[in-house]
């Protein structure tokens, strides 16, 4: 039976959750498409601009790395990169560590445009802002755990979150400790995108 069969929701909460998540993903897709069309970009081109702006590691800005990040083929990412270069939004530089690779960074024009488009999630941000602090903590904990489970099953390939980090020491339930910062972490201090992330988490 499909998770999208309303009759199935009556007796199966798992399917109801999947259908609810699909509704939320639809909101994200609509917001992304709307913003992309306004600036004559594709959704992935818009996402690449934002990714390049906030990920400064040369390794992360390679085509192969971005393909893994977005779970797309290198050819798909390469095609989008070529369009962004033609539009004068990004530029390539030689990779100091790998002569066969290039890194990409935003041009001044690209930085200006990215500043205009990166807040396309504001309607979703506003809805989340209406939750109480306790609801936000509970929601974040559930979402992080779901992302971790999907990562462990191979559905989501790249995650720089606390649960998959070498420095994380905890049980993903109540106890969270960062061995790098040498401090316990509250729920709202857990990271989903950490620049100091080292793969090799001990989470169970």
N, C-alpha and C. Protein backbone atom coordinates (compact mmCIF):
# COMPACT_ATOMS: atom_id res chain seq x y z
N UNK A 1 0.84 -1.20 0.00
CA UNK A 1 0.00 0.00 0.00
C UNK A 1 0.87 1.25 0.00
N UNK A 2 0.41 2.27 -0.67
CA UNK A 2 1.17 3.51 -0.77
C UNK A 2 0.93 4.43 0.42
N UNK A 3 1.98 5.18 0.77
CA UNK A 3 1.86 6.16 1.85
C UNK A 3 0.94 7.31 1.45
N UNK A 4 0.62 7.40 0.16
CA UNK A 4 -0.21 8.49 -0.32
C UNK A 4 -1.69 8.09 -0.45
N UNK A 5 -2.02 6.90 0.01
CA UNK A 5 -3.41 6.46 0.07
C UNK A 5 -4.02 6.93 1.38
N UNK A 6 -4.94 7.91 1.35
CA UNK A 6 -5.51 8.45 2.60
C UNK A 6 -6.14 7.39 3.49
N UNK A 7 -6.68 6.34 2.90
CA UNK A 7 -7.29 5.29 3.70
C UNK A 7 -6.25 4.57 4.56
N UNK A 8 -5.03 4.51 4.05
CA UNK A 8 -3.96 3.86 4.79
C UNK A 8 -3.57 4.66 6.03
N UNK A 9 -3.77 5.97 6.00
CA UNK A 9 -3.41 6.83 7.13
C UNK A 9 -4.23 6.52 8.37
N UNK A 10 -5.41 5.99 8.18
CA UNK A 10 -6.30 5.75 9.31
C UNK A 10 -5.69 4.76 10.29
N UNK A 11 -4.99 3.78 9.77
CA UNK A 11 -4.47 2.72 10.64
C UNK A 11 -2.94 2.67 10.71
N UNK A 12 -2.25 3.49 9.93
CA UNK A 12 -0.80 3.42 9.89
C UNK A 12 -0.18 4.80 10.05
N UNK A 13 0.36 5.08 11.22
CA UNK A 13 0.93 6.40 11.49
C UNK A 13 2.21 6.62 10.70
N UNK A 14 2.94 5.54 10.38
CA UNK A 14 4.17 5.68 9.59
C UNK A 14 3.87 6.32 8.23
N UNK A 15 2.84 5.81 7.56
CA UNK A 15 2.46 6.36 6.27
C UNK A 15 1.98 7.80 6.39
N UNK A 16 1.31 8.09 7.49
CA UNK A 16 0.81 9.45 7.71
C UNK A 16 1.98 10.43 7.86
N UNK A 17 3.04 10.01 8.55
CA UNK A 17 4.23 10.86 8.71
C UNK A 17 4.92 11.08 7.37
N UNK A 18 5.04 10.01 6.57
CA UNK A 18 5.66 10.14 5.25
C UNK A 18 4.88 11.12 4.38
N UNK A 19 3.54 11.02 4.40
CA UNK A 19 2.71 11.93 3.61
C UNK A 19 2.86 13.36 4.09
N UNK A 20 2.98 13.54 5.41
CA UNK A 20 3.15 14.88 5.97
C UNK A 20 4.49 15.48 5.55
N UNK A 21 5.54 14.67 5.57
CA UNK A 21 6.86 15.15 5.15
C UNK A 21 6.84 15.54 3.67
N UNK A 22 6.07 14.80 2.87
CA UNK A 22 5.98 15.13 1.45
C UNK A 22 5.33 16.50 1.26
N UNK A 23 4.35 16.83 2.11
CA UNK A 23 3.71 18.15 2.03
C UNK A 23 4.72 19.26 2.33
N UNK A 24 5.57 19.02 3.33
CA UNK A 24 6.58 20.02 3.69
C UNK A 24 7.61 20.15 2.57
N UNK A 25 8.03 19.02 1.98
CA UNK A 25 8.99 19.09 0.87
C UNK A 25 8.41 19.81 -0.32
N UNK A 26 7.09 19.70 -0.50
CA UNK A 26 6.43 20.41 -1.59
C UNK A 26 6.52 21.91 -1.40
N UNK A 27 6.39 22.37 -0.16
CA UNK A 27 6.54 23.80 0.14
C UNK A 27 7.94 24.26 -0.26
N UNK A 28 8.94 23.49 0.11
CA UNK A 28 10.32 23.83 -0.22
C UNK A 28 10.51 23.90 -1.73
N UNK A 29 9.97 22.92 -2.46
CA UNK A 29 10.11 22.89 -3.91
C UNK A 29 9.46 24.11 -4.56
N UNK A 30 8.27 24.46 -4.08
CA UNK A 30 7.55 25.61 -4.65
C UNK A 30 8.33 26.90 -4.42
N UNK A 31 8.82 27.09 -3.21
CA UNK A 31 9.59 28.31 -2.89
C UNK A 31 10.86 28.37 -3.73
N UNK A 32 11.52 27.23 -3.89
CA UNK A 32 12.76 27.17 -4.66
C UNK A 32 12.50 27.46 -6.14
N UNK A 33 11.47 26.84 -6.71
CA UNK A 33 11.14 27.06 -8.11
C UNK A 33 10.74 28.50 -8.36
N UNK A 34 9.96 29.08 -7.47
CA UNK A 34 9.50 30.45 -7.64
C UNK A 34 10.67 31.42 -7.70
N UNK A 35 11.60 31.26 -6.76
CA UNK A 35 12.77 32.14 -6.71
C UNK A 35 13.67 31.92 -7.92
N UNK A 36 13.86 30.66 -8.30
CA UNK A 36 14.74 30.35 -9.42
C UNK A 36 14.20 30.94 -10.72
N UNK A 37 12.91 30.79 -10.97
CA UNK A 37 12.31 31.30 -12.20
C UNK A 37 12.41 32.82 -12.28
N UNK A 38 12.27 33.47 -11.14
CA UNK A 38 12.34 34.94 -11.14
C UNK A 38 13.69 35.45 -11.63
N UNK A 39 14.73 34.66 -11.39
CA UNK A 39 16.09 35.08 -11.78
C UNK A 39 16.62 34.27 -12.95
N UNK A 40 15.72 33.55 -13.63
CA UNK A 40 16.07 32.76 -14.81
C UNK A 40 17.18 31.76 -14.52
N UNK A 41 17.02 31.07 -13.41
CA UNK A 41 17.94 30.01 -13.02
C UNK A 41 17.14 28.73 -12.83
N UNK A 42 17.82 27.60 -12.82
CA UNK A 42 17.17 26.35 -12.44
C UNK A 42 17.32 26.21 -10.93
N UNK A 43 16.49 25.40 -10.30
CA UNK A 43 16.61 25.22 -8.84
C UNK A 43 18.01 24.77 -8.41
N UNK A 44 18.62 23.84 -9.14
CA UNK A 44 19.94 23.38 -8.73
C UNK A 44 20.99 24.47 -8.91
N UNK A 45 20.83 25.32 -9.92
CA UNK A 45 21.77 26.44 -10.09
C UNK A 45 21.67 27.40 -8.91
N UNK A 46 20.46 27.65 -8.46
CA UNK A 46 20.26 28.51 -7.30
C UNK A 46 20.91 27.88 -6.07
N UNK A 47 20.69 26.60 -5.88
CA UNK A 47 21.26 25.92 -4.72
C UNK A 47 22.79 25.88 -4.77
N UNK A 48 23.35 25.75 -5.96
CA UNK A 48 24.80 25.75 -6.10
C UNK A 48 25.40 27.09 -5.72
N UNK A 49 24.75 28.18 -6.11
CA UNK A 49 25.24 29.51 -5.74
C UNK A 49 25.29 29.66 -4.23
N UNK A 50 24.23 29.24 -3.56
CA UNK A 50 24.17 29.35 -2.10
C UNK A 50 25.22 28.45 -1.46
N UNK A 51 25.36 27.24 -2.00
CA UNK A 51 26.35 26.30 -1.45
C UNK A 51 27.75 26.87 -1.58
N UNK A 52 28.10 27.38 -2.75
CA UNK A 52 29.44 27.92 -2.98
C UNK A 52 29.72 29.11 -2.07
N UNK A 53 28.71 29.91 -1.81
CA UNK A 53 28.89 31.07 -0.94
C UNK A 53 29.28 30.67 0.47
N UNK A 54 28.66 29.63 0.99
CA UNK A 54 28.84 29.30 2.40
C UNK A 54 29.76 28.12 2.67
N UNK A 55 30.33 27.53 1.64
CA UNK A 55 31.29 26.44 1.83
C UNK A 55 32.60 26.85 1.21
N UNK A 56 33.52 27.25 2.05
CA UNK A 56 34.76 27.87 1.58
C UNK A 56 35.89 26.87 1.36
N UNK A 57 35.70 25.63 1.75
CA UNK A 57 36.75 24.62 1.54
C UNK A 57 36.92 24.34 0.05
N UNK A 58 38.16 24.37 -0.42
CA UNK A 58 38.42 24.08 -1.83
C UNK A 58 37.90 22.70 -2.21
N UNK A 59 38.05 21.73 -1.31
CA UNK A 59 37.62 20.37 -1.59
C UNK A 59 36.11 20.30 -1.81
N UNK A 60 35.35 21.07 -1.03
CA UNK A 60 33.89 21.05 -1.16
C UNK A 60 33.42 21.71 -2.44
N UNK A 61 34.22 22.60 -3.01
CA UNK A 61 33.82 23.35 -4.20
C UNK A 61 34.21 22.68 -5.51
N UNK A 62 34.67 21.45 -5.44
CA UNK A 62 34.95 20.69 -6.65
C UNK A 62 33.64 20.10 -7.19
N UNK A 63 33.61 19.85 -8.49
CA UNK A 63 32.40 19.30 -9.11
C UNK A 63 32.04 17.94 -8.49
N UNK A 64 33.02 17.08 -8.29
CA UNK A 64 32.75 15.76 -7.73
C UNK A 64 32.17 15.86 -6.32
N UNK A 65 32.70 16.78 -5.54
CA UNK A 65 32.21 16.96 -4.17
C UNK A 65 30.79 17.49 -4.16
N UNK A 66 30.50 18.46 -5.03
CA UNK A 66 29.15 19.01 -5.09
C UNK A 66 28.15 17.99 -5.62
N UNK A 67 28.61 17.10 -6.50
CA UNK A 67 27.74 16.03 -6.99
C UNK A 67 27.32 15.12 -5.84
N UNK A 68 28.28 14.79 -4.98
CA UNK A 68 27.95 13.97 -3.80
C UNK A 68 27.04 14.72 -2.85
N UNK A 69 27.29 16.00 -2.70
CA UNK A 69 26.51 16.82 -1.77
C UNK A 69 25.03 16.84 -2.16
N UNK A 70 24.76 16.97 -3.45
CA UNK A 70 23.38 17.09 -3.91
C UNK A 70 22.82 15.78 -4.46
N UNK A 71 23.58 14.70 -4.33
CA UNK A 71 23.13 13.39 -4.81
C UNK A 71 22.75 13.43 -6.30
N UNK A 72 23.61 14.09 -7.09
CA UNK A 72 23.41 14.20 -8.53
C UNK A 72 24.67 13.71 -9.24
N UNK A 73 24.56 13.48 -10.54
CA UNK A 73 25.74 13.05 -11.29
C UNK A 73 26.69 14.22 -11.50
N UNK A 74 27.96 13.90 -11.75
CA UNK A 74 28.95 14.95 -12.04
C UNK A 74 28.58 15.69 -13.32
N UNK A 75 27.98 14.99 -14.27
CA UNK A 75 27.58 15.63 -15.53
C UNK A 75 26.50 16.68 -15.29
N UNK A 76 25.55 16.37 -14.42
CA UNK A 76 24.48 17.33 -14.11
C UNK A 76 25.03 18.57 -13.44
N UNK A 77 25.92 18.37 -12.46
CA UNK A 77 26.54 19.51 -11.77
C UNK A 77 27.40 20.30 -12.75
N UNK A 78 28.14 19.62 -13.59
CA UNK A 78 29.01 20.28 -14.56
C UNK A 78 28.21 21.16 -15.50
N UNK A 79 27.08 20.67 -15.97
CA UNK A 79 26.23 21.46 -16.87
C UNK A 79 25.74 22.73 -16.18
N UNK A 80 25.33 22.61 -14.92
CA UNK A 80 24.84 23.77 -14.18
C UNK A 80 25.96 24.76 -13.92
N UNK A 81 27.15 24.24 -13.62
CA UNK A 81 28.31 25.09 -13.38
C UNK A 81 28.65 25.90 -14.63
N UNK A 82 28.58 25.25 -15.80
CA UNK A 82 28.89 25.94 -17.06
C UNK A 82 27.93 27.10 -17.29
N UNK A 83 26.65 26.89 -17.00
CA UNK A 83 25.66 27.96 -17.17
C UNK A 83 25.96 29.12 -16.23
N UNK A 84 26.29 28.82 -14.97
CA UNK A 84 26.60 29.86 -14.00
C UNK A 84 27.85 30.63 -14.40
N UNK A 85 28.82 29.94 -15.00
CA UNK A 85 30.02 30.61 -15.50
C UNK A 85 29.67 31.53 -16.67
N UNK A 86 28.85 31.04 -17.58
CA UNK A 86 28.45 31.84 -18.74
C UNK A 86 27.68 33.10 -18.33
N UNK A 87 26.95 32.99 -17.24
CA UNK A 87 26.19 34.13 -16.74
C UNK A 87 27.07 35.09 -15.93
N UNK A 88 28.32 34.71 -15.73
CA UNK A 88 29.24 35.56 -14.99
C UNK A 88 29.00 35.55 -13.48
N UNK A 89 28.39 34.47 -12.98
CA UNK A 89 28.05 34.40 -11.56
C UNK A 89 29.10 33.67 -10.73
N UNK A 90 29.88 32.80 -11.37
CA UNK A 90 30.96 32.10 -10.68
C UNK A 90 32.20 32.10 -11.56
N UNK A 91 33.32 31.83 -10.93
CA UNK A 91 34.59 31.74 -11.66
C UNK A 91 35.35 30.52 -11.14
N UNK A 92 36.19 29.98 -12.00
CA UNK A 92 36.96 28.80 -11.60
C UNK A 92 38.42 29.16 -11.38
N UNK A 93 39.05 28.44 -10.46
CA UNK A 93 40.48 28.59 -10.21
C UNK A 93 41.10 27.20 -10.12
N UNK A 94 42.38 27.12 -10.41
CA UNK A 94 43.07 25.83 -10.33
C UNK A 94 43.10 25.34 -8.89
N UNK A 95 42.96 24.04 -8.72
CA UNK A 95 43.02 23.42 -7.40
C UNK A 95 44.48 23.20 -7.04
N UNK A 96 44.92 23.81 -5.95
CA UNK A 96 46.33 23.70 -5.56
C UNK A 96 46.71 22.28 -5.16
N UNK A 97 45.72 21.47 -4.74
CA UNK A 97 46.01 20.12 -4.28
C UNK A 97 45.80 19.06 -5.35
N UNK A 98 45.11 19.43 -6.43
CA UNK A 98 44.81 18.46 -7.49
C UNK A 98 44.80 19.19 -8.83
N UNK A 99 45.84 18.98 -9.62
CA UNK A 99 45.97 19.70 -10.90
C UNK A 99 44.89 19.34 -11.90
N UNK A 100 44.16 18.23 -11.64
CA UNK A 100 43.10 17.80 -12.56
C UNK A 100 41.75 18.43 -12.21
N UNK A 101 41.70 19.15 -11.12
CA UNK A 101 40.42 19.69 -10.64
C UNK A 101 40.42 21.21 -10.61
N UNK A 102 39.22 21.76 -10.56
CA UNK A 102 39.02 23.20 -10.42
C UNK A 102 38.14 23.46 -9.20
N UNK A 103 38.34 24.63 -8.63
CA UNK A 103 37.46 25.10 -7.57
C UNK A 103 36.63 26.25 -8.13
N UNK A 104 35.52 26.53 -7.50
CA UNK A 104 34.65 27.59 -7.98
C UNK A 104 34.30 28.55 -6.85
N UNK A 105 34.24 29.82 -7.20
CA UNK A 105 33.85 30.84 -6.22
C UNK A 105 32.94 31.85 -6.91
N UNK A 106 32.23 32.63 -6.11
CA UNK A 106 31.31 33.61 -6.65
C UNK A 106 32.04 34.83 -7.16
N UNK A 107 31.57 35.36 -8.26
CA UNK A 107 32.06 36.66 -8.72
C UNK A 107 31.31 37.74 -7.92
N UNK A 108 31.67 38.99 -8.13
CA UNK A 108 30.95 40.07 -7.45
C UNK A 108 29.47 40.05 -7.84
N UNK A 109 29.22 39.80 -9.11
CA UNK A 109 27.83 39.71 -9.58
C UNK A 109 27.12 38.52 -8.94
N UNK A 110 27.84 37.41 -8.83
CA UNK A 110 27.27 36.22 -8.21
C UNK A 110 26.98 36.43 -6.74
N UNK A 111 27.87 37.14 -6.05
CA UNK A 111 27.67 37.42 -4.63
C UNK A 111 26.44 38.31 -4.43
N UNK A 112 26.27 39.28 -5.31
CA UNK A 112 25.12 40.17 -5.21
C UNK A 112 23.82 39.42 -5.43
N UNK A 113 23.79 38.58 -6.46
CA UNK A 113 22.58 37.83 -6.77
C UNK A 113 22.27 36.82 -5.66
N UNK A 114 23.29 36.15 -5.16
CA UNK A 114 23.07 35.16 -4.10
C UNK A 114 22.50 35.82 -2.85
N UNK A 115 22.95 37.04 -2.58
CA UNK A 115 22.39 37.77 -1.44
C UNK A 115 20.91 38.05 -1.60
N UNK A 116 20.46 38.13 -2.84
CA UNK A 116 19.04 38.39 -3.12
C UNK A 116 18.19 37.12 -3.03
N UNK A 117 18.77 35.98 -3.36
CA UNK A 117 17.97 34.76 -3.50
C UNK A 117 18.07 33.81 -2.31
N UNK A 118 19.07 33.99 -1.46
CA UNK A 118 19.33 32.98 -0.43
C UNK A 118 18.26 32.89 0.65
N UNK A 119 17.40 33.87 0.76
CA UNK A 119 16.35 33.85 1.78
C UNK A 119 15.00 33.41 1.21
N UNK A 120 15.04 32.53 0.21
CA UNK A 120 13.79 32.09 -0.40
C UNK A 120 12.92 31.28 0.56
N UNK A 121 13.49 30.83 1.68
CA UNK A 121 12.73 30.02 2.64
C UNK A 121 12.01 30.87 3.69
N UNK A 122 11.98 32.18 3.54
CA UNK A 122 11.40 33.05 4.57
C UNK A 122 9.98 32.65 4.99
N UNK A 123 9.08 32.28 4.06
CA UNK A 123 7.74 31.85 4.51
C UNK A 123 7.80 30.63 5.43
N UNK A 124 8.70 29.70 5.13
CA UNK A 124 8.86 28.53 5.98
C UNK A 124 9.50 28.91 7.31
N UNK A 125 10.47 29.84 7.25
CA UNK A 125 11.09 30.33 8.47
C UNK A 125 10.05 30.93 9.40
N UNK A 126 9.13 31.69 8.81
CA UNK A 126 8.10 32.36 9.61
C UNK A 126 7.19 31.37 10.31
N UNK A 127 6.85 30.29 9.63
CA UNK A 127 5.98 29.28 10.23
C UNK A 127 6.69 28.59 11.40
N UNK A 128 7.97 28.27 11.22
CA UNK A 128 8.73 27.62 12.29
C UNK A 128 8.91 28.56 13.48
N UNK A 129 9.03 29.85 13.22
CA UNK A 129 9.22 30.83 14.29
C UNK A 129 8.03 30.88 15.25
N UNK A 130 6.87 30.42 14.81
CA UNK A 130 5.68 30.45 15.68
C UNK A 130 5.66 29.31 16.69
N UNK A 131 6.56 28.33 16.53
CA UNK A 131 6.63 27.23 17.49
C UNK A 131 7.24 27.71 18.80
N UNK A 132 6.89 27.07 19.89
CA UNK A 132 7.49 27.39 21.19
C UNK A 132 8.92 26.85 21.23
N UNK A 133 9.76 27.36 22.12
CA UNK A 133 11.13 26.83 22.23
C UNK A 133 11.14 25.32 22.49
N UNK A 134 10.21 24.84 23.29
CA UNK A 134 10.15 23.41 23.58
C UNK A 134 9.78 22.61 22.33
N UNK A 135 8.84 23.13 21.54
CA UNK A 135 8.45 22.46 20.30
C UNK A 135 9.61 22.43 19.30
N UNK A 136 10.35 23.54 19.24
CA UNK A 136 11.49 23.61 18.33
C UNK A 136 12.55 22.57 18.71
N UNK A 137 12.85 22.45 20.01
CA UNK A 137 13.84 21.48 20.46
C UNK A 137 13.40 20.06 20.11
N UNK A 138 12.13 19.76 20.37
CA UNK A 138 11.62 18.43 20.09
C UNK A 138 11.63 18.14 18.59
N UNK A 139 11.22 19.13 17.81
CA UNK A 139 11.18 18.97 16.35
C UNK A 139 12.59 18.77 15.81
N UNK A 140 13.54 19.60 16.27
CA UNK A 140 14.93 19.49 15.81
C UNK A 140 15.50 18.12 16.14
N UNK A 141 15.25 17.65 17.34
CA UNK A 141 15.76 16.34 17.75
C UNK A 141 15.23 15.24 16.84
N UNK A 142 13.94 15.28 16.52
CA UNK A 142 13.34 14.27 15.65
C UNK A 142 13.90 14.34 14.24
N UNK A 143 14.05 15.56 13.72
CA UNK A 143 14.55 15.72 12.35
C UNK A 143 16.01 15.27 12.25
N UNK A 144 16.84 15.65 13.22
CA UNK A 144 18.24 15.22 13.21
C UNK A 144 18.35 13.70 13.27
N UNK A 145 17.52 13.09 14.08
CA UNK A 145 17.56 11.63 14.19
C UNK A 145 17.13 10.97 12.89
N UNK A 146 16.12 11.55 12.23
CA UNK A 146 15.66 11.00 10.95
C UNK A 146 16.74 11.14 9.88
N UNK A 147 17.40 12.29 9.84
CA UNK A 147 18.48 12.51 8.87
C UNK A 147 19.61 11.51 9.13
N UNK A 148 19.94 11.31 10.40
CA UNK A 148 21.00 10.35 10.74
C UNK A 148 20.65 8.95 10.26
N UNK A 149 19.40 8.53 10.49
CA UNK A 149 18.98 7.19 10.07
C UNK A 149 19.03 7.05 8.55
N UNK A 150 18.62 8.09 7.83
CA UNK A 150 18.67 8.06 6.37
C UNK A 150 20.11 8.05 5.86
N UNK A 151 20.98 8.75 6.57
CA UNK A 151 22.40 8.74 6.21
C UNK A 151 23.00 7.36 6.42
N UNK A 152 22.66 6.72 7.53
CA UNK A 152 23.20 5.40 7.83
C UNK A 152 22.70 4.34 6.85
N UNK A 153 21.51 4.55 6.31
CA UNK A 153 20.97 3.59 5.35
C UNK A 153 21.40 3.90 3.91
N UNK A 154 22.17 4.98 3.73
CA UNK A 154 22.71 5.31 2.42
C UNK A 154 21.81 6.16 1.55
N UNK A 155 20.68 6.62 2.08
CA UNK A 155 19.77 7.46 1.30
C UNK A 155 20.32 8.87 1.16
N UNK A 156 20.86 9.41 2.25
CA UNK A 156 21.51 10.72 2.24
C UNK A 156 23.00 10.48 2.35
N UNK A 157 23.75 10.95 1.38
CA UNK A 157 25.16 10.58 1.30
C UNK A 157 26.08 11.41 2.18
N UNK A 158 25.93 12.73 2.15
CA UNK A 158 26.88 13.60 2.84
C UNK A 158 26.19 14.39 3.93
N UNK A 159 26.64 14.20 5.16
CA UNK A 159 26.09 14.96 6.27
C UNK A 159 27.21 15.33 7.24
N UNK A 160 27.37 16.62 7.49
CA UNK A 160 28.38 17.09 8.44
C UNK A 160 27.68 17.47 9.75
N UNK A 161 26.98 16.50 10.32
CA UNK A 161 26.22 16.74 11.53
C UNK A 161 26.92 16.10 12.72
N UNK A 162 26.51 16.51 13.92
CA UNK A 162 27.15 16.01 15.14
C UNK A 162 27.12 14.49 15.23
N UNK A 163 25.99 13.89 14.88
CA UNK A 163 25.82 12.45 15.08
C UNK A 163 26.79 11.61 14.25
N UNK A 164 27.31 12.15 13.16
CA UNK A 164 28.24 11.38 12.32
C UNK A 164 29.68 11.84 12.51
N UNK A 165 29.92 12.67 13.52
CA UNK A 165 31.25 13.27 13.71
C UNK A 165 32.10 12.48 14.70
N UNK A 166 33.37 12.40 14.40
CA UNK A 166 34.35 11.73 15.27
C UNK A 166 34.36 12.33 16.67
N UNK A 167 34.11 13.63 16.76
CA UNK A 167 34.20 14.32 18.05
C UNK A 167 32.93 14.19 18.90
N UNK A 168 31.87 13.64 18.31
CA UNK A 168 30.61 13.52 19.05
C UNK A 168 30.66 12.33 20.00
N UNK A 169 30.24 12.58 21.23
CA UNK A 169 30.15 11.52 22.23
C UNK A 169 28.78 11.63 22.89
N UNK A 170 27.90 10.71 22.57
CA UNK A 170 26.56 10.77 23.13
C UNK A 170 25.71 9.63 22.65
N UNK A 171 24.45 9.67 23.00
CA UNK A 171 23.55 8.58 22.64
C UNK A 171 22.42 9.01 21.72
N UNK A 172 22.47 10.25 21.23
CA UNK A 172 21.46 10.81 20.34
C UNK A 172 20.11 10.99 21.03
N UNK A 173 20.04 10.73 22.31
CA UNK A 173 18.77 10.84 23.01
C UNK A 173 18.78 12.06 23.95
N UNK A 174 19.58 11.98 24.99
CA UNK A 174 19.63 13.08 25.96
C UNK A 174 21.04 13.60 26.19
N UNK A 175 22.03 12.72 26.09
CA UNK A 175 23.41 13.12 26.37
C UNK A 175 24.14 13.44 25.08
N UNK A 176 24.64 14.67 24.97
CA UNK A 176 25.37 15.10 23.78
C UNK A 176 26.63 15.83 24.25
N UNK A 177 27.79 15.38 23.78
CA UNK A 177 29.04 16.00 24.20
C UNK A 177 29.97 16.12 23.00
N UNK A 178 30.62 17.28 22.85
CA UNK A 178 31.59 17.51 21.78
C UNK A 178 33.00 17.44 22.36
N UNK A 179 33.76 16.44 21.92
CA UNK A 179 35.13 16.29 22.41
C UNK A 179 36.07 17.35 21.85
N UNK A 180 35.70 17.98 20.73
CA UNK A 180 36.54 19.04 20.18
C UNK A 180 36.43 20.30 21.02
N UNK A 181 35.19 20.70 21.34
CA UNK A 181 34.98 21.89 22.16
C UNK A 181 35.05 21.60 23.65
N UNK A 182 35.08 20.30 23.98
CA UNK A 182 35.13 19.86 25.37
C UNK A 182 33.99 20.46 26.19
N UNK A 183 32.76 20.24 25.69
CA UNK A 183 31.59 20.76 26.39
C UNK A 183 30.36 19.94 26.03
N UNK A 184 29.42 19.84 26.98
CA UNK A 184 28.14 19.21 26.66
C UNK A 184 27.34 20.12 25.75
N UNK A 185 26.47 19.55 24.94
CA UNK A 185 25.69 20.32 23.99
C UNK A 185 24.20 20.19 24.30
N UNK A 186 23.52 21.33 24.31
CA UNK A 186 22.07 21.32 24.41
C UNK A 186 21.50 20.96 23.04
N UNK A 187 20.22 20.62 22.98
CA UNK A 187 19.60 20.24 21.71
C UNK A 187 19.80 21.32 20.66
N UNK A 188 19.59 22.60 21.03
CA UNK A 188 19.70 23.67 20.05
C UNK A 188 21.14 24.01 19.69
N UNK A 189 22.11 23.34 20.31
CA UNK A 189 23.52 23.53 19.95
C UNK A 189 24.03 22.45 19.00
N UNK A 190 23.23 21.41 18.78
CA UNK A 190 23.63 20.37 17.83
C UNK A 190 23.68 20.95 16.43
N UNK A 191 24.67 20.56 15.67
CA UNK A 191 24.86 21.13 14.34
C UNK A 191 24.48 20.14 13.25
N UNK A 192 23.93 20.69 12.18
CA UNK A 192 23.64 19.87 11.01
C UNK A 192 24.65 20.15 9.89
N UNK A 193 25.39 21.24 10.04
CA UNK A 193 26.38 21.64 9.03
C UNK A 193 27.56 22.26 9.78
N UNK A 194 28.53 21.42 10.17
CA UNK A 194 29.64 21.88 10.99
C UNK A 194 30.95 21.92 10.19
N UNK A 195 31.62 23.06 10.16
CA UNK A 195 32.87 23.18 9.40
C UNK A 195 34.01 22.36 10.00
N UNK A 196 33.90 21.99 11.29
CA UNK A 196 34.94 21.18 11.93
C UNK A 196 34.62 19.68 11.90
N UNK A 197 33.60 19.31 11.17
CA UNK A 197 33.15 17.92 11.15
C UNK A 197 34.24 16.98 10.62
N UNK A 198 34.42 15.87 11.33
CA UNK A 198 35.33 14.81 10.90
C UNK A 198 34.51 13.51 10.92
N UNK A 199 34.39 12.86 9.77
CA UNK A 199 33.57 11.66 9.69
C UNK A 199 34.09 10.56 10.61
N UNK A 200 33.16 9.91 11.27
CA UNK A 200 33.55 8.80 12.15
C UNK A 200 32.81 8.82 13.45
N UNK A 201 31.52 9.15 13.41
CA UNK A 201 30.72 9.28 14.63
C UNK A 201 30.57 7.98 15.38
N UNK A 202 30.39 8.12 16.70
CA UNK A 202 30.22 6.96 17.56
C UNK A 202 28.77 6.77 17.96
N UNK A 203 27.88 7.59 17.35
CA UNK A 203 26.46 7.52 17.74
C UNK A 203 25.90 6.12 17.47
N UNK A 204 25.02 5.70 18.35
CA UNK A 204 24.43 4.37 18.22
C UNK A 204 23.01 4.44 17.72
